[in-house]
Structures are given as C-alpha cells and as structure tokens.
C-alpha cells in the first residue's frame, strides 16, 4: 500500500511525503519526493545505511523513464537495480 500526500510544512521545498507499507513483511518505509532539475527524486530508506532512491529521469507527454537505486553505505554509493521505460 502506498500513501502519498503534500507536506505543507515543507511548502518552500515543494516536497511530497510517501509512506509505503509492505503488509506481508511488516515493512514501513517513508520517502520524500521532490523535483531535482528535470527529474523527480523519491528518497527514503529503512535505516541510516540502507537508502532507497527512485527517480523519474524523463517524463514526456507520451513516455517516461524510471530508475530504482539502492545504497548500503548511507548514500555514498548507489547501485542501479531496476529501470522502466514506459509509454502512455
């Protein structure tokens, strides 16, 4: 399950909050989503060392490119785990 909402306290940064709930394993992961130049970054993690970064690298009227990355050293090194190129 995913809950997404605009964070009015962070209005100056134009961020959104996302809370992902993985019921089968009892996981709850909080993310912050924000614009970073032409892309949208969605960052969070389960600890200070295990960090997750999801990003829409390209969004156009008829297509998009998405990447999923993971870091096990607090964001020092990112490993590409998944890419999705989609059409609308």
N, C-alpha and C. Protein backbone atom coordinates (compact mmCIF):
# COMPACT_ATOMS: atom_id res chain seq x y z
N UNK A 1 0.85 -1.16 0.00
CA UNK A 1 0.00 0.00 0.00
C UNK A 1 0.89 1.23 0.00
N UNK A 2 0.48 2.26 -0.69
CA UNK A 2 1.25 3.50 -0.77
C UNK A 2 0.34 4.66 -0.45
N UNK A 3 0.77 5.49 0.48
CA UNK A 3 0.07 6.71 0.85
C UNK A 3 0.94 7.88 0.41
N UNK A 4 0.39 8.81 -0.33
CA UNK A 4 1.16 9.95 -0.83
C UNK A 4 0.39 11.23 -0.50
N UNK A 5 1.08 12.23 0.06
CA UNK A 5 0.42 13.49 0.38
C UNK A 5 1.42 14.64 0.34
N UNK A 6 0.90 15.84 0.07
CA UNK A 6 1.71 17.04 0.03
C UNK A 6 2.03 17.46 1.45
N UNK A 7 3.26 17.86 1.69
CA UNK A 7 3.72 18.23 3.03
C UNK A 7 3.69 19.75 3.18
N UNK A 8 2.64 20.31 3.78
CA UNK A 8 2.55 21.77 3.87
C UNK A 8 3.67 22.42 4.69
N UNK A 9 4.22 21.70 5.66
CA UNK A 9 5.32 22.28 6.46
C UNK A 9 6.58 22.44 5.63
N UNK A 10 6.70 21.70 4.57
CA UNK A 10 7.86 21.79 3.69
C UNK A 10 7.50 22.52 2.40
N UNK A 11 6.50 23.36 2.47
CA UNK A 11 5.97 24.02 1.28
C UNK A 11 7.05 24.76 0.50
N UNK A 12 7.99 25.40 1.17
CA UNK A 12 9.04 26.14 0.47
C UNK A 12 9.89 25.20 -0.40
N UNK A 13 10.00 23.94 -0.02
CA UNK A 13 10.78 22.97 -0.79
C UNK A 13 9.93 22.21 -1.80
N UNK A 14 8.62 22.41 -1.76
CA UNK A 14 7.68 21.74 -2.67
C UNK A 14 7.87 20.22 -2.64
N UNK A 15 7.85 19.65 -1.46
CA UNK A 15 8.03 18.20 -1.31
C UNK A 15 6.72 17.50 -1.04
N UNK A 16 6.72 16.22 -1.36
CA UNK A 16 5.62 15.32 -1.07
C UNK A 16 6.15 14.24 -0.15
N UNK A 17 5.30 13.72 0.71
CA UNK A 17 5.65 12.59 1.56
C UNK A 17 4.99 11.35 1.00
N UNK A 18 5.69 10.24 1.07
CA UNK A 18 5.14 8.95 0.68
C UNK A 18 5.44 7.97 1.81
N UNK A 19 4.47 7.16 2.12
CA UNK A 19 4.66 6.09 3.10
C UNK A 19 4.27 4.80 2.42
N UNK A 20 5.23 3.90 2.28
CA UNK A 20 5.00 2.60 1.66
C UNK A 20 4.86 1.58 2.78
N UNK A 21 3.78 0.80 2.71
CA UNK A 21 3.52 -0.21 3.73
C UNK A 21 3.51 -1.58 3.06
N UNK A 22 4.49 -2.41 3.41
CA UNK A 22 4.57 -3.77 2.89
C UNK A 22 3.98 -4.72 3.90
N UNK A 23 2.71 -5.00 3.76
CA UNK A 23 1.98 -5.79 4.75
C UNK A 23 2.56 -7.19 4.94
N UNK A 24 2.91 -7.94 3.88
CA UNK A 24 3.38 -9.31 4.10
C UNK A 24 4.61 -9.40 5.01
N UNK A 25 5.53 -8.41 4.91
CA UNK A 25 6.75 -8.46 5.73
C UNK A 25 6.72 -7.47 6.89
N UNK A 26 5.65 -6.71 7.01
CA UNK A 26 5.54 -5.74 8.09
C UNK A 26 6.49 -4.57 7.95
N UNK A 27 6.80 -4.18 6.72
CA UNK A 27 7.72 -3.07 6.48
C UNK A 27 6.96 -1.76 6.30
N UNK A 28 7.51 -0.70 6.84
CA UNK A 28 7.01 0.65 6.62
C UNK A 28 8.21 1.50 6.24
N UNK A 29 8.15 2.12 5.05
CA UNK A 29 9.26 2.94 4.57
C UNK A 29 8.72 4.31 4.21
N UNK A 30 9.34 5.34 4.77
CA UNK A 30 8.94 6.72 4.48
C UNK A 30 9.87 7.30 3.41
N UNK A 31 9.27 8.04 2.48
CA UNK A 31 10.00 8.68 1.40
C UNK A 31 9.66 10.16 1.33
N UNK A 32 10.59 10.93 0.79
CA UNK A 32 10.36 12.34 0.45
C UNK A 32 10.51 12.43 -1.06
N UNK A 33 9.55 13.05 -1.73
CA UNK A 33 9.60 13.22 -3.18
C UNK A 33 9.75 14.70 -3.49
N UNK A 34 10.64 15.02 -4.44
CA UNK A 34 10.87 16.42 -4.80
C UNK A 34 11.41 16.49 -6.21
N UNK A 35 11.27 17.67 -6.79
CA UNK A 35 11.82 17.91 -8.11
C UNK A 35 13.31 18.20 -7.97
N UNK A 36 14.10 17.66 -8.88
CA UNK A 36 15.55 17.89 -8.92
C UNK A 36 15.90 18.18 -10.38
N UNK A 37 15.84 19.45 -10.78
CA UNK A 37 16.04 19.80 -12.18
C UNK A 37 14.91 19.21 -13.01
N UNK A 38 15.24 18.48 -14.07
CA UNK A 38 14.19 17.91 -14.93
C UNK A 38 13.61 16.60 -14.40
N UNK A 39 14.15 16.06 -13.33
CA UNK A 39 13.68 14.77 -12.84
C UNK A 39 12.97 14.90 -11.50
N UNK A 40 12.30 13.83 -11.10
CA UNK A 40 11.64 13.76 -9.80
C UNK A 40 12.34 12.69 -8.99
N UNK A 41 12.85 13.06 -7.81
CA UNK A 41 13.53 12.13 -6.91
C UNK A 41 12.59 11.71 -5.79
N UNK A 42 12.61 10.44 -5.47
CA UNK A 42 11.84 9.88 -4.36
C UNK A 42 12.85 9.12 -3.50
N UNK A 43 13.16 9.68 -2.31
CA UNK A 43 14.24 9.12 -1.49
C UNK A 43 13.75 8.75 -0.10
N UNK A 44 14.28 7.66 0.41
CA UNK A 44 13.94 7.20 1.75
C UNK A 44 14.81 6.01 2.11
N UNK A 45 14.39 5.25 3.10
CA UNK A 45 15.15 4.08 3.47
C UNK A 45 14.67 3.47 4.76
N UNK A 46 15.25 2.33 5.07
CA UNK A 46 14.85 1.62 6.28
C UNK A 46 15.80 1.85 7.44
N UNK A 47 16.97 2.47 7.16
CA UNK A 47 17.93 2.78 8.22
C UNK A 47 18.86 3.88 7.71
N UNK A 48 19.80 4.28 8.53
CA UNK A 48 20.76 5.30 8.11
C UNK A 48 21.69 4.78 7.02
N UNK A 49 21.91 3.49 6.97
CA UNK A 49 22.82 2.94 5.96
C UNK A 49 22.10 2.41 4.72
N UNK A 50 20.91 1.83 4.87
CA UNK A 50 20.17 1.31 3.72
C UNK A 50 19.25 2.41 3.20
N UNK A 51 19.61 2.98 2.06
CA UNK A 51 18.86 4.08 1.47
C UNK A 51 18.30 3.65 0.12
N UNK A 52 17.14 4.16 -0.21
CA UNK A 52 16.47 3.85 -1.47
C UNK A 52 16.24 5.14 -2.25
N UNK A 53 16.48 5.09 -3.53
CA UNK A 53 16.23 6.24 -4.40
C UNK A 53 15.48 5.76 -5.63
N UNK A 54 14.32 6.31 -5.83
CA UNK A 54 13.53 6.06 -7.02
C UNK A 54 13.46 7.38 -7.76
N UNK A 55 13.54 7.35 -9.07
CA UNK A 55 13.52 8.61 -9.80
C UNK A 55 12.85 8.47 -11.16
N UNK A 56 12.10 9.48 -11.51
CA UNK A 56 11.61 9.64 -12.86
C UNK A 56 12.65 10.49 -13.57
N UNK A 57 13.44 9.86 -14.40
CA UNK A 57 14.53 10.54 -15.08
C UNK A 57 14.03 11.39 -16.25
N UNK A 58 12.97 10.94 -16.85
CA UNK A 58 12.41 11.65 -18.00
C UNK A 58 10.90 11.45 -17.99
N UNK A 59 10.17 12.55 -18.13
CA UNK A 59 8.72 12.48 -18.24
C UNK A 59 8.32 13.34 -19.42
N UNK A 60 7.66 12.73 -20.39
CA UNK A 60 7.19 13.44 -21.58
C UNK A 60 5.70 13.13 -21.76
N UNK A 61 5.11 13.74 -22.73
CA UNK A 61 3.68 13.56 -22.96
C UNK A 61 3.32 12.11 -23.26
N UNK A 62 4.21 11.37 -23.91
CA UNK A 62 3.88 10.01 -24.32
C UNK A 62 4.80 8.93 -23.75
N UNK A 63 5.80 9.32 -22.95
CA UNK A 63 6.73 8.32 -22.42
C UNK A 63 7.36 8.79 -21.12
N UNK A 64 7.99 7.84 -20.41
CA UNK A 64 8.73 8.17 -19.20
C UNK A 64 9.85 7.16 -19.00
N UNK A 65 10.85 7.55 -18.21
CA UNK A 65 11.94 6.66 -17.83
C UNK A 65 12.07 6.73 -16.31
N UNK A 66 12.13 5.56 -15.67
CA UNK A 66 12.16 5.44 -14.21
C UNK A 66 13.35 4.58 -13.81
N UNK A 67 14.00 4.93 -12.69
CA UNK A 67 15.12 4.14 -12.17
C UNK A 67 14.91 3.87 -10.69
N UNK A 68 15.33 2.69 -10.24
CA UNK A 68 15.33 2.32 -8.83
C UNK A 68 16.76 2.01 -8.41
N UNK A 69 17.26 2.72 -7.42
CA UNK A 69 18.64 2.54 -6.93
C UNK A 69 18.63 2.27 -5.42
N UNK A 70 19.66 1.57 -4.95
CA UNK A 70 19.82 1.25 -3.54
C UNK A 70 21.25 1.56 -3.11
N UNK A 71 21.38 2.06 -1.88
CA UNK A 71 22.69 2.31 -1.29
C UNK A 71 22.75 1.58 0.04
N UNK A 72 23.86 0.91 0.30
CA UNK A 72 24.05 0.23 1.59
C UNK A 72 25.07 0.95 2.47
N UNK A 73 25.53 2.13 2.00
CA UNK A 73 26.51 2.90 2.78
C UNK A 73 26.02 4.32 3.04
N UNK A 74 24.72 4.47 3.25
CA UNK A 74 24.17 5.77 3.61
C UNK A 74 24.08 6.76 2.47
N UNK A 75 24.16 6.32 1.25
CA UNK A 75 24.06 7.22 0.10
C UNK A 75 25.39 7.55 -0.55
N UNK A 76 26.46 6.94 -0.09
CA UNK A 76 27.77 7.19 -0.68
C UNK A 76 27.91 6.55 -2.06
N UNK A 77 27.37 5.36 -2.21
CA UNK A 77 27.44 4.61 -3.47
C UNK A 77 26.03 4.11 -3.78
N UNK A 78 25.60 4.32 -5.03
CA UNK A 78 24.27 3.89 -5.46
C UNK A 78 24.38 2.78 -6.49
N UNK A 79 23.56 1.75 -6.34
CA UNK A 79 23.52 0.63 -7.26
C UNK A 79 22.19 0.62 -8.00
N UNK A 80 22.26 0.60 -9.32
CA UNK A 80 21.06 0.55 -10.15
C UNK A 80 20.47 -0.85 -10.08
N UNK A 81 19.21 -0.95 -9.65
CA UNK A 81 18.54 -2.24 -9.53
C UNK A 81 17.46 -2.45 -10.59
N UNK A 82 16.85 -1.35 -11.04
CA UNK A 82 15.73 -1.52 -11.95
C UNK A 82 15.56 -0.28 -12.82
N UNK A 83 15.22 -0.49 -14.07
CA UNK A 83 14.84 0.61 -14.96
C UNK A 83 13.53 0.24 -15.64
N UNK A 84 12.73 1.25 -15.86
CA UNK A 84 11.47 1.06 -16.56
C UNK A 84 11.35 2.18 -17.58
N UNK A 85 11.14 1.81 -18.82
CA UNK A 85 10.84 2.77 -19.88
C UNK A 85 9.42 2.48 -20.31
N UNK A 86 8.55 3.46 -20.11
CA UNK A 86 7.14 3.23 -20.39
C UNK A 86 6.56 4.22 -21.37
N UNK A 87 5.45 3.82 -21.92
CA UNK A 87 4.69 4.68 -22.84
C UNK A 87 3.31 4.90 -22.29
N UNK A 88 2.78 6.06 -22.57
CA UNK A 88 1.40 6.36 -22.14
C UNK A 88 0.48 6.27 -23.32
